[in-house]
Protein backbone atom coordinates (compact mmCIF):
# COMPACT_ATOMS: atom_id res chain seq x y z
CA MET A 1 169.25 61.93 65.15
CA SER A 2 171.20 65.21 65.62
CA PRO A 3 170.33 67.73 62.91
CA ALA A 4 173.47 67.45 61.66
CA LEU A 5 173.58 64.28 61.05
CA ASP A 6 170.12 63.97 58.47
CA PRO A 7 170.16 61.59 55.89
CA VAL A 8 171.14 64.13 53.11
CA THR A 9 173.99 65.16 55.03
CA LEU A 10 174.89 61.98 55.83
CA ALA A 11 174.82 61.46 51.79
CA LEU A 12 176.38 64.23 50.89
CA VAL A 13 179.70 63.28 53.38
CA GLN A 14 179.67 59.86 51.63
CA ASN A 15 179.86 61.05 48.30
CA ARG A 16 182.39 63.37 48.72
CA LEU A 17 184.36 60.52 50.15
CA ASP A 18 183.77 58.48 47.00
CA HIS A 19 185.03 61.40 45.11
CA ILE A 20 188.22 61.37 47.00
CA SER A 21 188.58 58.20 46.40
CA HIS A 22 187.77 58.44 42.59
CA GLN A 23 189.99 61.59 42.62
CA MET A 24 193.21 59.26 43.91
CA GLY A 25 192.36 56.66 41.16
CA TRP A 26 192.33 59.30 38.07
CA VAL A 27 195.86 60.83 39.67
CA MET A 28 196.92 57.10 39.47
CA THR A 29 195.58 56.21 35.89
CA ARG A 30 197.81 59.62 34.61
CA THR A 31 201.10 58.86 36.46
CA ALA A 32 201.63 55.25 37.03
CA ARG A 33 204.31 54.11 34.45
CA SER A 34 203.19 50.52 34.22
CA PRO A 35 200.21 49.80 32.00
CA ILE A 36 198.85 47.33 34.33
CA PHE A 37 197.77 50.37 36.07
CA SER A 38 197.38 53.32 33.05
CA GLN A 39 195.45 50.88 30.63
CA SER A 40 194.05 48.29 33.15
CA HIS A 41 193.56 49.67 36.65
CA ASP A 42 194.78 47.16 38.38
CA PHE A 43 194.54 49.05 41.85
CA SER A 44 192.10 50.67 44.03
CA CYS A 45 192.69 53.57 46.18
CA PHE A 46 190.50 53.54 49.53
CA ILE A 47 190.05 55.73 52.80
CA ALA A 48 189.68 54.52 56.38
CA ASP A 49 189.00 56.30 59.36
CA ALA A 50 191.68 56.98 62.88
CA ARG A 51 190.31 53.25 63.87
CA GLY A 52 191.42 51.64 60.62
CA THR A 53 187.78 51.26 59.17
CA LEU A 54 186.84 51.51 55.70
CA ILE A 55 184.44 54.27 54.92
CA SER A 56 184.82 54.62 50.90
CA GLN A 57 185.64 51.98 48.64
CA ALA A 58 184.64 53.58 45.82
CA ASP A 59 187.58 53.31 43.28
CA GLY A 60 188.98 50.19 41.34
CA ILE A 61 188.43 46.67 41.74
CA PRO A 62 185.99 45.04 44.79
CA ILE A 63 188.34 42.60 46.09
CA HIS A 64 191.37 44.81 46.63
CA THR A 65 189.11 47.33 48.76
CA GLY A 66 186.78 45.15 50.46
CA GLY A 67 189.42 43.79 52.55
CA GLY A 68 191.29 47.28 53.17
CA GLY A 69 190.68 47.58 57.07
CA PHE A 70 192.69 44.81 57.81
CA ALA A 71 195.81 46.84 56.30
CA VAL A 72 195.11 50.09 57.89
CA ARG A 73 194.49 47.76 60.96
CA ALA A 74 198.07 46.47 61.06
CA ILE A 75 199.61 50.15 60.68
CA LEU A 76 197.80 50.93 63.82
CA ARG A 77 199.23 47.24 65.63
CA ASP A 78 202.54 47.93 64.92
CA PHE A 79 202.85 51.44 64.60
CA LYS A 80 200.36 53.00 67.31
CA ASP A 81 202.28 55.28 68.95
CA SER A 82 204.27 56.84 66.24
CA ILE A 83 202.15 57.42 63.32
CA GLU A 84 203.34 61.19 62.69
CA PRO A 85 202.20 63.88 59.78
CA GLU A 86 204.12 63.45 56.63
CA ASP A 87 204.75 59.36 57.24
CA VAL A 88 204.02 57.00 54.05
CA PHE A 89 203.60 53.22 55.44
CA LEU A 90 203.95 50.23 52.89
CA LEU A 91 202.90 46.87 53.37
CA ASN A 92 201.88 43.80 51.26
CA ASP A 93 202.45 40.14 53.42
CA PRO A 94 199.14 38.18 53.63
CA TYR A 95 199.47 36.87 57.37
CA THR A 96 200.99 39.42 59.38
CA ALA A 97 200.47 42.86 57.89
CA GLY A 98 196.48 42.46 56.81
CA GLY A 99 197.75 41.86 52.71
CA ASN A 100 195.48 39.88 50.59
CA HIS A 101 198.22 38.76 48.57
CA LEU A 102 202.20 39.42 48.08
CA PRO A 103 201.50 41.14 44.66
CA ASP A 104 199.43 43.68 46.24
CA TRP A 105 200.97 46.54 47.84
CA VAL A 106 199.42 49.00 50.14
CA ILE A 107 200.52 53.23 50.14
CA ALA A 108 199.09 54.07 53.07
CA ARG A 109 198.79 57.72 53.95
CA PRO A 110 198.03 58.89 57.24
CA VAL A 111 195.87 62.17 57.40
CA PHE A 112 196.36 64.76 60.18
CA VAL A 113 194.36 68.23 61.07
CA ALA A 114 195.28 70.44 63.78
CA GLY A 115 197.56 67.48 64.98
CA LYS A 116 195.22 64.89 65.32
CA LEU A 117 194.80 61.80 63.19
CA VAL A 118 191.62 61.60 61.40
CA ALA A 119 191.74 59.14 58.62
CA PHE A 120 194.06 57.37 56.45
CA ALA A 121 194.73 57.79 52.29
CA CYS A 122 195.12 54.53 51.02
CA ASN A 123 196.10 52.62 47.21
CA ARG A 124 196.08 49.12 46.79
CA ALA A 125 197.94 48.23 43.72
CA HIS A 126 199.22 44.96 42.23
CA GLN A 127 202.87 45.48 41.15
CA ALA A 128 203.72 44.07 37.52
CA ASP A 129 206.92 41.92 39.28
CA ILE A 130 208.14 41.94 42.68
CA GLY A 131 210.88 39.08 42.13
CA GLY A 132 210.03 35.66 43.42
CA GLY A 133 210.29 31.93 41.00
CA ALA A 134 208.58 33.40 37.48
CA ALA A 135 208.17 37.01 36.14
CA GLY A 136 205.37 38.75 36.50
CA THR A 137 204.38 37.50 39.98
CA TYR A 138 202.27 34.63 38.82
CA ASN A 139 204.75 31.62 40.25
CA SER A 140 202.34 28.86 38.89
CA ALA A 141 204.97 26.69 40.75
CA ALA A 142 204.75 27.95 43.81
CA THR A 143 204.26 25.90 47.08
CA GLU A 144 205.61 28.00 49.32
CA ILE A 145 204.98 31.99 49.98
CA PHE A 146 208.84 32.49 49.94
CA HIS A 147 208.42 31.19 46.21
CA GLU A 148 205.92 34.21 45.34
CA GLY A 149 208.34 37.38 45.94
CA ILE A 150 209.34 39.96 48.77
CA ARG A 151 207.62 39.60 51.90
CA LEU A 152 206.70 43.06 53.18
CA PRO A 153 205.61 43.19 56.76
CA VAL A 154 204.70 47.36 57.83
CA LEU A 155 207.03 49.36 56.91
CA LYS A 156 207.83 53.09 57.06
CA LEU A 157 208.65 53.98 53.55
CA ILE A 158 208.49 57.84 53.98
CA GLU A 159 208.94 59.37 57.69
CA SER A 160 207.96 62.38 58.50
CA GLY A 161 208.14 63.61 54.90
CA LYS A 162 211.64 61.71 54.62
CA VAL A 163 211.84 59.09 52.10
CA ARG A 164 213.80 56.09 53.47
CA ASP A 165 216.04 55.62 50.70
CA ASP A 166 217.57 52.23 51.87
CA LEU A 167 214.51 50.47 51.68
CA TRP A 168 213.66 52.23 48.23
CA ARG A 169 216.79 50.82 47.10
CA LEU A 170 216.03 46.93 48.84
CA LEU A 171 212.65 47.13 46.64
CA LEU A 172 214.16 47.97 43.38
CA LEU A 173 216.71 45.38 44.24
CA ASN A 174 213.76 42.65 44.56
CA THR A 175 212.56 43.23 41.10
CA ARG A 176 212.78 42.45 37.08
CA LEU A 177 211.20 45.99 36.32
CA PRO A 178 213.07 48.62 38.80
CA GLU A 179 212.19 51.47 36.29
CA ALA A 180 208.31 50.43 36.02
CA LEU A 181 208.38 49.95 40.04
CA ASP A 182 210.08 53.02 40.42
CA GLY A 183 207.62 55.11 38.82
CA ASP A 184 204.51 53.38 39.90
CA LEU A 185 205.42 53.76 43.51
CA ARG A 186 206.04 57.42 43.09
CA ALA A 187 202.76 57.65 41.51
CA MET A 188 201.14 55.25 44.27
CA ILE A 189 202.52 58.00 47.04
CA GLY A 190 201.59 60.57 44.42
CA SER A 191 197.55 59.43 44.83
CA THR A 192 197.49 59.55 48.23
CA ARG A 193 199.33 62.95 48.72
CA ILE A 194 196.00 64.06 46.94
CA GLY A 195 193.84 62.09 48.75
CA ALA A 196 194.93 63.29 52.24
CA GLU A 197 194.82 67.25 51.25
CA ARG A 198 190.93 66.50 49.92
CA LEU A 199 190.41 64.51 53.11
CA ALA A 200 191.89 67.16 55.73
CA LEU A 201 189.81 69.97 53.80
CA LEU A 202 186.70 67.55 54.37
CA VAL A 203 187.26 67.36 58.15
CA GLU A 204 187.69 71.11 58.43
CA GLU A 205 184.58 71.95 56.68
CA LEU A 206 182.70 69.30 58.53
CA GLY A 207 184.37 71.07 62.11
CA GLY A 208 187.89 69.01 62.83
CA ASP A 209 186.62 67.34 65.76
CA GLU A 210 183.31 67.04 64.44
CA ALA A 211 184.21 64.51 61.46
CA ASP A 212 184.56 61.65 63.44
CA ALA A 213 180.98 61.80 64.43
CA PHE A 214 180.18 62.30 60.49
CA PHE A 215 182.38 58.86 59.58
CA GLU A 216 180.22 56.99 62.29
CA GLY A 217 177.13 58.39 60.68
CA VAL A 218 177.72 56.92 57.49
CA LEU A 219 178.98 53.91 58.87
CA ASP A 220 175.87 53.62 60.93
CA HIS A 221 173.99 54.80 57.67
CA ALA A 222 175.14 51.83 55.64
CA ASP A 223 174.63 49.01 58.52
CA ARG A 224 170.89 50.24 58.50
CA ARG A 225 170.73 50.15 54.52
CA PHE A 226 172.08 46.35 54.68
CA ARG A 227 169.94 45.25 57.38
CA THR A 228 166.72 46.35 54.67
CA CYS A 229 168.51 43.74 52.65
CA ILE A 230 168.55 41.26 54.79
CA ASP A 231 165.25 41.32 55.91
CA ARG A 232 164.45 40.97 52.08
CA LEU A 233 166.07 37.30 52.69
CA ALA A 234 164.26 34.27 53.95
CA GLN A 235 165.11 33.80 57.33
CA GLY A 236 166.43 30.17 57.74
CA VAL A 237 169.73 28.05 56.63
CA TRP A 238 171.15 28.14 53.85
CA ARG A 239 173.74 25.71 51.90
CA ALA A 240 175.77 25.76 48.91
CA GLU A 241 179.04 24.83 47.15
CA GLU A 242 181.37 25.99 44.40
CA PRO A 243 183.75 23.12 42.84
CA VAL A 244 187.35 23.34 43.21
CA ASP A 245 188.46 20.84 40.68
CA ASN A 246 192.76 21.35 41.29
CA ASP A 247 195.45 22.34 43.76
CA CYS A 248 197.70 23.50 40.51
CA PHE A 249 199.38 20.38 40.10
CA GLU A 250 196.80 17.71 39.75
CA PRO A 251 193.12 17.19 39.75
CA ILE A 252 191.47 17.52 43.59
CA ASP A 253 187.78 16.93 44.62
CA GLY A 254 187.88 20.42 46.75
CA ARG A 255 185.29 22.80 47.25
CA ILE A 256 184.12 25.88 49.06
CA ALA A 257 181.60 25.11 51.34
CA VAL A 258 179.35 27.85 52.84
CA THR A 259 176.26 28.39 54.96
CA ILE A 260 174.53 31.35 55.50
CA THR A 261 172.13 31.86 58.68
CA VAL A 262 169.57 34.75 58.21
CA LYS A 263 168.03 35.34 60.97
CA ASP A 264 166.46 39.04 62.89
CA GLN A 265 168.53 41.05 60.95
CA ARG A 266 171.69 39.47 61.10
CA MET A 267 173.60 37.14 59.05
CA ILE A 268 176.11 34.20 59.98
CA VAL A 269 178.66 33.50 57.27
CA ASP A 270 180.80 30.02 58.03
CA PHE A 271 182.62 28.27 55.61
CA ALA A 272 182.74 25.04 57.63
CA GLY A 273 182.75 21.91 55.54
CA THR A 274 185.50 23.98 53.16
CA SER A 275 188.52 21.62 52.10
CA PRO A 276 191.60 22.02 53.81
CA GLN A 277 194.36 24.59 52.45
CA ILE A 278 196.55 23.12 48.91
CA ARG A 279 199.60 22.92 47.47
CA GLY A 280 199.54 25.41 45.18
CA PHE A 281 199.13 28.96 45.08
CA LYS A 282 194.78 29.60 45.49
CA ASN A 283 194.84 29.68 49.06
CA SER A 284 193.02 33.10 50.51
CA SER A 285 193.85 35.08 53.34
CA ILE A 286 191.38 36.84 56.04
CA ALA A 287 191.46 39.71 54.44
CA ASN A 288 191.07 38.75 50.93
CA SER A 289 188.49 35.91 51.82
CA THR A 290 186.73 38.48 54.01
CA SER A 291 186.47 41.04 51.01
CA ALA A 292 185.26 38.24 48.59
CA VAL A 293 182.55 37.46 50.94
CA PHE A 294 181.62 41.86 51.42
CA MET A 295 181.78 41.91 47.75
CA SER A 296 179.33 38.81 47.31
CA LEU A 297 176.95 40.59 49.35
CA ALA A 298 177.29 43.81 47.95
CA SER A 299 176.99 42.18 44.29
CA PHE A 300 173.67 40.22 45.38
CA PHE A 301 171.89 43.37 46.28
CA GLU A 302 171.32 46.85 44.41
CA PRO A 303 174.49 48.81 43.21
CA ASP A 304 173.40 52.20 45.47
CA LEU A 305 174.22 50.22 48.95
CA PRO A 306 176.66 52.63 50.76
CA LYS A 307 180.29 51.15 49.67
CA ASN A 308 182.06 51.18 53.43
CA GLU A 309 182.56 48.70 56.21
CA GLY A 310 179.16 49.72 58.28
CA ALA A 311 177.70 47.94 55.28
CA PHE A 312 178.52 44.33 57.06
CA ARG A 313 178.57 45.23 60.64
CA SER A 314 175.79 42.35 60.87
CA VAL A 315 177.93 39.86 59.07
CA GLU A 316 179.59 37.54 61.22
CA ILE A 317 182.36 35.48 58.88
CA ARG A 318 183.60 32.23 60.24
CA LEU A 319 186.79 31.65 58.18
CA PRO A 320 187.86 27.55 59.57
CA GLU A 321 192.14 27.90 60.04
CA GLY A 322 193.83 26.00 58.04
CA THR A 323 191.32 25.75 54.79
CA LEU A 324 191.57 27.18 51.44
CA VAL A 325 189.54 30.34 52.60
CA ASN A 326 192.16 31.12 55.61
CA ALA A 327 195.68 28.72 54.94
CA ARG A 328 198.00 28.67 57.85
CA PRO A 329 201.73 29.82 56.50
CA PRO A 330 203.85 29.45 54.86
CA ALA A 331 200.85 28.21 52.44
CA PRO A 332 201.68 30.45 48.94
CA MET A 333 198.61 32.77 47.75
CA THR A 334 199.21 35.16 44.54
CA MET A 335 196.38 33.00 42.89
CA ASN A 336 193.58 33.87 45.83
CA THR A 337 192.59 37.32 44.75
CA VAL A 338 191.06 35.75 41.54
CA PHE A 339 190.78 31.84 42.53
CA VAL A 340 189.65 30.82 45.12
CA ALA A 341 187.71 34.46 45.49
CA HIS A 342 185.86 33.83 42.67
CA GLU A 343 184.38 30.35 44.06
CA ILE A 344 183.70 32.21 47.37
CA ILE A 345 181.41 34.51 45.65
CA HIS A 346 179.81 31.86 43.80
CA ALA A 347 178.73 29.84 46.65
CA MET A 348 177.37 33.08 48.30
CA TRP A 349 175.64 33.17 45.30
CA LYS A 350 174.20 30.41 45.17
CA ALA A 351 173.09 30.25 48.92
CA LEU A 352 171.45 33.59 48.92
CA ALA A 353 169.52 32.64 45.94
CA GLN A 354 167.80 30.20 47.50
CA ALA A 355 166.54 32.89 50.63
CA LEU A 356 165.76 35.11 47.69
CA PRO A 357 165.47 33.69 44.29
CA GLU A 358 164.21 36.90 42.11
CA ARG A 359 167.87 37.67 42.78
CA ALA A 360 169.94 35.37 41.65
CA SER A 361 172.52 35.73 39.42
CA ALA A 362 174.03 33.01 37.07
CA GLY A 363 177.29 31.79 37.36
CA TRP A 364 180.35 33.72 35.39
CA SER A 365 182.87 32.39 33.75
CA LYS A 366 186.56 31.69 34.43
CA ALA A 367 189.86 33.33 32.56
CA VAL A 368 191.97 31.69 30.69
CA HIS A 369 195.02 34.33 31.12
CA ALA A 370 199.00 34.08 31.03
CA VAL A 371 201.84 36.32 31.80
CA THR A 372 204.66 36.27 29.10
CA ALA A 373 207.69 37.60 30.15
CA GLY A 374 211.23 38.33 27.80
CA LEU A 375 213.37 40.45 26.55
CA ARG A 376 212.79 43.46 23.85
CA PRO A 377 214.79 43.66 21.01
CA ASP A 378 216.73 46.28 22.91
CA GLY A 379 217.39 44.01 25.43
CA GLY A 380 215.60 45.81 28.01
CA ARG A 381 213.00 43.42 29.48
CA TYR A 382 209.20 43.20 29.57
CA VAL A 383 206.24 41.37 31.35
CA MET A 384 202.70 41.18 29.46
CA TYR A 385 199.67 40.60 31.01
CA GLN A 386 197.46 38.60 28.72
CA TRP A 387 194.04 40.21 29.73
CA ALA A 388 191.91 39.73 26.58
CA GLY A 389 191.71 36.07 27.09
CA ALA A 390 188.86 37.56 29.70
CA PRO A 391 185.98 35.56 31.04
CA ALA A 392 181.99 36.12 30.41
CA GLY A 393 179.52 37.61 33.09
CA GLY A 394 176.20 35.38 33.96
CA GLY A 395 172.93 36.77 32.82
CA VAL A 396 170.10 38.00 35.66
CA GLU A 397 166.68 39.02 35.31
CA GLY A 398 166.08 41.48 32.59
CA ARG A 399 169.84 41.43 31.31
CA ASP A 400 171.86 39.43 29.14
CA GLY A 401 175.92 38.34 30.77
CA PHE A 402 178.27 40.75 29.76
CA HIS A 403 180.36 39.08 26.71
CA LEU A 404 183.82 40.24 27.54
CA ILE A 405 184.86 41.70 30.89
CA GLY A 406 187.56 41.03 33.77
CA HIS A 407 187.12 38.85 36.49
CA LEU A 408 184.47 38.15 38.71
CA ILE A 409 186.18 39.75 41.30
CA THR A 410 186.86 42.83 39.37
CA LEU A 411 183.25 43.15 38.69
CA GLY A 412 183.80 45.22 35.74
CA GLY A 413 186.65 47.73 37.14
CA LEU A 414 189.43 45.79 35.14
CA THR A 415 189.85 47.61 31.97
CA LEU A 416 191.01 45.65 29.41
CA PRO A 417 194.09 47.12 27.57
CA ASN A 418 194.42 49.46 24.11
CA LEU A 419 195.68 46.50 21.51
CA GLU A 420 197.29 49.35 19.91
CA THR A 421 199.64 50.37 22.98
CA TYR A 422 200.86 47.18 24.19
CA GLU A 423 202.03 46.46 19.77
CA GLN A 424 204.07 49.73 20.86
CA LEU A 425 205.11 48.63 24.04
CA TYR A 426 205.73 45.05 23.72
CA PRO A 427 207.43 42.61 20.82
CA VAL A 428 203.88 41.34 19.78
CA ARG A 429 201.48 42.03 17.24
CA PHE A 430 197.59 40.89 17.75
CA LYS A 431 195.80 38.78 15.24
CA ARG A 432 192.32 38.31 16.50
CA GLN A 433 190.06 39.63 19.56
CA GLU A 434 186.37 38.15 18.58
CA LEU A 435 183.41 37.18 20.31
CA ARG A 436 183.18 33.02 20.34
CA CYS A 437 180.28 31.84 18.97
CA ASP A 438 177.58 29.14 20.47
CA THR A 439 179.65 29.52 23.82
CA ALA A 440 177.04 31.67 26.05
CA GLY A 441 175.10 29.42 28.52
CA ALA A 442 171.93 29.37 26.60
CA GLY A 443 168.56 31.45 29.14
CA ARG A 444 166.06 33.41 29.08
CA PHE A 445 168.71 35.79 29.77
CA ARG A 446 171.74 34.16 28.27
CA GLY A 447 175.51 34.00 29.39
CA GLY A 448 178.21 36.36 27.78
CA ALA A 449 180.09 34.27 24.95
CA GLY A 450 183.42 34.92 26.02
CA CYS A 451 186.64 35.57 23.25
CA ASP A 452 188.84 34.22 21.25
CA TYR A 453 192.10 35.81 21.61
CA GLU A 454 195.23 35.60 19.57
CA VAL A 455 198.46 37.00 19.71
CA GLU A 456 202.02 37.17 17.97
CA ILE A 457 205.08 36.98 20.50
CA PHE A 458 208.00 37.70 18.33
CA THR A 459 210.74 36.85 20.93
CA PRO A 460 211.10 33.74 23.15
CA ALA A 461 209.23 33.93 26.04
CA ASP A 462 208.39 32.60 29.98
CA TYR A 463 204.99 31.49 30.15
CA ALA A 464 203.07 31.58 33.44
CA PHE A 465 199.97 29.69 33.05
CA ARG A 466 196.92 30.81 35.01
CA GLY A 467 193.87 29.09 33.05
CA GLU A 468 191.43 28.44 35.78
CA GLY A 469 188.57 28.00 32.40
CA VAL A 470 190.38 25.61 30.55
CA GLY A 471 188.45 22.59 30.02
CA ALA A 472 184.78 22.18 31.41
CA PRO A 473 182.51 24.81 31.74
CA SER A 474 183.28 27.03 34.89
CA SER A 475 180.03 29.21 35.19
CA PHE A 476 176.51 28.06 36.12
CA GLY A 477 172.96 28.43 35.29
CA VAL A 478 170.12 29.35 37.66
CA GLU A 479 166.70 29.33 37.05
CA GLY A 480 166.71 26.32 34.32
CA GLY A 481 169.30 28.03 32.41
CA GLN A 482 172.76 26.15 31.04
CA ALA A 483 176.20 27.03 31.80
CA GLY A 484 178.51 28.37 29.06
CA ALA A 485 181.20 26.65 27.26
CA GLY A 486 184.76 25.91 28.66
CA GLY A 487 187.74 27.73 27.66
CA GLU A 488 191.41 26.40 26.01
CA VAL A 489 194.57 28.16 25.30
CA ILE A 490 197.00 27.10 22.35
CA VAL A 491 200.39 27.74 21.79
CA THR A 492 201.75 27.40 18.18
CA LEU A 493 205.59 27.70 17.67
CA ALA A 494 207.08 28.97 14.52
CA ASP A 495 207.74 25.03 13.57
CA GLY A 496 203.61 25.22 13.78
CA LYS A 497 203.68 22.36 16.46
CA GLN A 498 200.85 23.31 18.74
CA ILE A 499 201.22 23.11 22.61
CA GLN A 500 197.85 22.41 24.89
CA ALA A 501 198.49 25.10 27.54
CA PRO A 502 197.96 23.23 31.19
CA LYS A 503 195.90 25.77 33.56
CA TYR A 504 198.78 26.14 35.81
CA GLY A 505 202.41 25.86 34.51
CA VAL A 506 205.43 27.56 33.78
CA GLU A 507 206.78 26.78 30.66
CA ARG A 508 209.74 28.44 27.87
CA HIS A 509 208.57 28.54 24.57
CA GLY A 510 210.26 30.07 21.37
CA ALA A 511 208.63 32.69 19.05
CA GLY A 512 204.85 31.94 17.90
CA SER A 513 201.81 32.45 18.87
CA TYR A 514 199.53 32.55 22.10
CA ARG A 515 195.47 31.96 21.33
CA ALA A 516 193.21 32.22 24.19
CA LEU A 517 189.42 30.74 24.13
CA SER A 518 188.05 32.41 26.98
CA PRO A 519 184.88 30.04 28.32
CA GLY A 520 181.07 31.58 28.35
CA GLY A 521 178.85 32.66 31.27
CA GLY A 522 176.08 31.18 32.72
CA GLY A 523 172.48 31.80 31.56
CA TYR A 524 169.42 32.86 33.68
CA GLY A 525 166.10 30.64 32.90
CA ASP A 526 164.50 28.97 30.60
CA PRO A 527 166.07 29.04 26.81
CA ARG A 528 163.01 28.23 25.48
CA THR A 529 161.21 31.53 27.02
CA ARG A 530 164.16 33.89 25.58
CA ASP A 531 161.98 36.70 23.26
CA PRO A 532 162.86 34.92 19.72
CA ALA A 533 163.79 38.46 18.64
CA ARG A 534 166.66 38.75 21.01
CA VAL A 535 167.59 35.20 19.50
CA LEU A 536 167.42 36.43 16.12
CA ARG A 537 169.85 39.29 17.12
CA ASP A 538 172.38 37.39 18.19
CA VAL A 539 172.30 35.31 15.43
CA ARG A 540 173.01 38.21 13.28
CA ASP A 541 175.34 39.39 15.09
CA GLY A 542 177.25 36.13 15.72
CA ILE A 543 176.56 35.06 18.67
CA VAL A 544 174.80 32.16 18.27
CA SER A 545 174.99 29.76 15.07
CA ALA A 546 171.32 29.32 13.07
CA SER A 547 171.60 25.59 14.72
CA GLY A 548 172.02 26.76 17.88
CA ALA A 549 169.29 28.78 17.82
CA GLU A 550 167.24 25.79 16.99
CA ARG A 551 168.63 23.06 19.17
CA ASP A 552 169.13 25.45 22.63
CA TYR A 553 166.42 28.43 21.94
CA ALA A 554 163.51 26.40 19.59
CA VAL A 555 163.82 29.33 17.59
CA ALA A 556 164.09 28.35 14.10
CA ILE A 557 165.98 31.36 11.61
CA ALA A 558 164.99 31.59 8.14
CA ALA A 559 167.12 30.93 4.98
CA ASP A 560 168.14 34.50 4.62
CA GLY A 561 169.63 34.21 8.02
CA ARG A 562 167.91 37.31 8.91
CA SER A 563 164.67 36.80 9.91
CA ILE A 564 162.55 34.55 11.75
CA ASP A 565 160.41 31.34 10.43
CA GLN A 566 157.61 31.40 12.81
CA LYS A 567 155.63 28.75 11.66
CA ARG A 568 158.68 26.31 12.75
CA THR A 569 159.73 28.25 15.51
CA ASN A 570 155.90 27.79 16.83
CA GLN A 571 155.94 24.01 16.16
CA LEU A 572 159.66 24.12 17.83
CA ARG A 573 157.93 25.25 21.04
CA GLY A 574 154.63 23.93 20.69
CA LYS A 575 152.14 26.75 19.94
CA THR A 576 149.44 25.84 17.71
CA PRO A 577 149.22 28.35 14.46
């Protein structure tokens, strides 16, 4: 290795790249108009080199960024001879432009230094509304991609510094929230400008023409680091499945099937045996499925793995065409970044845990979200994402699962919004947001509890339900742990009538309240080996009831509710006094 590319220097370069990703994210958060960005951070910034290889995906949501290289490589394919300084590209289509699903728009800005293309600064952001059959982009009734909103191939939104006003007008014409989209696009463009400026400075510091060597160096370093992770896995063939019990319209007996072959510091990830693509909008694109695989591998090992595409050079991914993980057009796809990405990750974790049991993770539960949309009292339109029906994380060795966190595919990158802000923006009033009791999957390290969330909606509203976590438990336990409880969504109208919401569907209801009980995460290890002091703390916190402590953990709580009945606990656990 050249002295200039020693590990310390490469680490510093990677940290600079990651910091630039974060800087772009900070700009976006502070300038975007929609609360889906300014409050919830449903966007991600990433950087690719001049060949379209990800060299930093440090900001935001992993499912957004892991497949970001597909988008940049689509730009290079379609505009290889006409990429100029001050150009800005826009795309979203999962079939033709390296997109994951239509709501996630990518703004990509090429970076030039001394007239040479050196990198791309990118922002992928989930737009609040892009037209289609349901307000808020999630059309649960979609049966083809044309029902889901505007499709964008790779386009030049800005050409040599000049905005294409005709294209801008077209975009604003195809949304129910043109004012929000206008501001959000400008924020995305601004964030990539900041990223491009910082990248140009870094390249100049690295010596201009030498930058390629440094970028290749950080990719090679990531490759070496991940090969050491593969070395820890038992060599062999490991198989697992995760069920898919519905096609968004009716029950099915579907599955995500994966076979992982580990040999000689390499890994083959093969999804042969996965169910065919379905009628509903949970089909996955190549970019999205690849991103889910990368995310499952990165999250299974230590969090300090380099966050770039080089980490997975030793991984071959096989995605059979015509299946849930690589659908043929015109299959709908809007739900795929959450489900079936969640199922892909669960299947991967189950298989990996066979090869390295000490790194096993219990399953995360699935969300019971909805999108509500309607008119404000002033006549303006609104689209509100009901984020707070968020799922819970699973337990791992040494740590309980998170009680309330964004989708598994965000790994905590999605932020739950400020309720007071939402009450100012929308015609709603929040009635409760509290942790559930006796819903966390029992284990030596228990799962998260999930949330009991209720909001009063003052006006008639359209509901786009997307509650994969409704019904039976959606997490799983490992090493003797148990699955968490299932979820539920209830709409109560002004006249008192209650409606049990479906997993998926588009419905219109009058004023009333929306209540979501999100499911619990899975537990890790035998619950009867959980430290009784932890069980007592959960009882005092309202996470576990006294009866649940005795039933699930063999821990008896004293009559005062504040201490352990040690004698009874010893009896329950078969210990002699």
